[in-house]
């Protein structure tokens, strides 16, 4: 029906070139492949992503309503970040 090797082998072959099998039978490449896959998954999960609500237009970065769903500590941090952007001008040091 469907073999896992048709899906997994192309990905694992990348790591088999880096870590050859030990003794001809012990393949450690899946360990490295899982670590890399986990790193990519964690990185993707940490990236910020905001989708507009159904029927709503995307809000501007300086909109105060953007922070309504955050905790107090997060609101303070976001105000600090956005406050520094609006107060600083390109020519000032």
Protein backbone atom coordinates (compact mmCIF):
# COMPACT_ATOMS: atom_id res chain seq x y z
CA UNK A 1 0.00 0.00 0.00
CA UNK A 2 2.30 2.79 1.24
CA UNK A 3 5.82 2.43 2.56
CA UNK A 4 7.35 4.76 5.09
CA UNK A 5 10.70 4.52 3.33
CA UNK A 6 9.38 6.42 0.29
CA UNK A 7 8.62 9.36 2.54
CA UNK A 8 11.42 9.14 5.12
CA UNK A 9 14.44 8.03 3.10
CA UNK A 10 14.92 11.24 1.08
CA UNK A 11 15.05 13.25 4.34
CA UNK A 12 17.22 10.71 6.18
CA UNK A 13 19.65 10.40 3.26
CA UNK A 14 20.71 13.99 3.90
CA UNK A 15 21.89 12.98 7.38
CA UNK A 16 23.26 9.60 6.32
CA UNK A 17 25.82 11.53 4.29
CA UNK A 18 26.91 13.33 7.46
CA UNK A 19 26.79 10.36 9.88
CA UNK A 20 27.57 7.06 8.16
CA UNK A 21 26.18 3.84 9.72
CA UNK A 22 28.38 2.43 12.50
CA UNK A 23 29.51 -1.12 11.86
CA UNK A 24 27.40 -1.19 8.71
CA UNK A 25 24.12 -1.76 10.58
CA UNK A 26 23.68 0.87 13.32
CA UNK A 27 22.19 4.00 11.74
CA UNK A 28 22.34 7.09 13.99
CA UNK A 29 21.18 9.53 11.31
CA UNK A 30 17.53 9.52 12.53
CA UNK A 31 18.68 11.05 15.83
CA UNK A 32 20.25 14.02 14.04
CA UNK A 33 17.25 14.24 11.70
CA UNK A 34 14.85 14.44 14.67
CA UNK A 35 16.98 17.12 16.35
CA UNK A 36 17.01 19.26 13.20
CA UNK A 37 13.28 18.75 12.66
CA UNK A 38 12.62 19.70 16.29
CA UNK A 39 14.75 22.86 15.92
CA UNK A 40 12.81 23.91 12.82
CA UNK A 41 9.48 23.17 14.50
CA UNK A 42 10.41 25.17 17.60
CA UNK A 43 11.65 28.07 15.50
CA UNK A 44 8.48 28.12 13.43
CA UNK A 45 6.32 28.01 16.56
CA UNK A 46 8.23 30.95 18.05
CA UNK A 47 7.68 33.18 15.02
CA UNK A 48 5.00 35.79 15.56
CA UNK A 49 1.94 35.40 13.39
CA UNK A 50 -1.23 37.44 13.60
CA UNK A 51 -4.25 36.81 11.45
CA UNK A 52 -7.02 39.37 11.19
CA UNK A 53 -10.34 38.45 12.71
CA UNK A 54 -13.06 37.32 10.29
CA UNK A 55 -14.17 40.30 8.22
CA UNK A 56 -11.82 42.69 10.01
CA UNK A 57 -9.05 44.64 8.38
CA UNK A 58 -5.52 44.25 9.77
CA UNK A 59 -4.81 46.74 12.55
CA UNK A 60 -1.94 49.18 12.47
CA UNK A 61 1.03 48.57 14.75
CA UNK A 62 0.25 51.61 16.87
CA UNK A 63 -3.39 50.71 17.48
CA UNK A 64 -4.15 50.49 21.23
CA UNK A 65 -6.83 47.85 20.63
CA UNK A 66 -4.14 45.45 19.45
CA UNK A 67 -3.07 44.90 23.08
CA UNK A 68 -6.45 44.04 24.62
CA UNK A 69 -5.86 40.27 24.79
CA UNK A 70 -2.45 40.55 26.51
CA UNK A 71 -1.60 40.30 30.19
CA UNK A 72 -0.51 43.42 32.07
CA UNK A 73 3.18 42.52 31.85
CA UNK A 74 2.90 41.89 28.11
CA UNK A 75 1.05 45.18 27.62
CA UNK A 76 3.84 47.07 29.41
CA UNK A 77 6.46 45.36 27.27
CA UNK A 78 4.57 46.11 24.05
CA UNK A 79 4.07 49.75 25.08
CA UNK A 80 7.79 50.02 25.72
CA UNK A 81 8.61 48.56 22.31
CA UNK A 82 6.10 50.64 20.38
CA UNK A 83 6.75 53.76 22.45
CA UNK A 84 10.45 53.69 21.55
CA UNK A 85 9.61 53.38 17.85
CA UNK A 86 7.30 56.39 17.83
CA UNK A 87 9.51 58.65 19.98
CA UNK A 88 12.78 58.09 18.15
CA UNK A 89 13.38 60.02 14.98
CA UNK A 90 15.86 59.06 12.24
CA UNK A 91 18.07 62.12 12.77
CA UNK A 92 18.30 62.05 16.58
CA UNK A 93 21.01 60.30 18.53
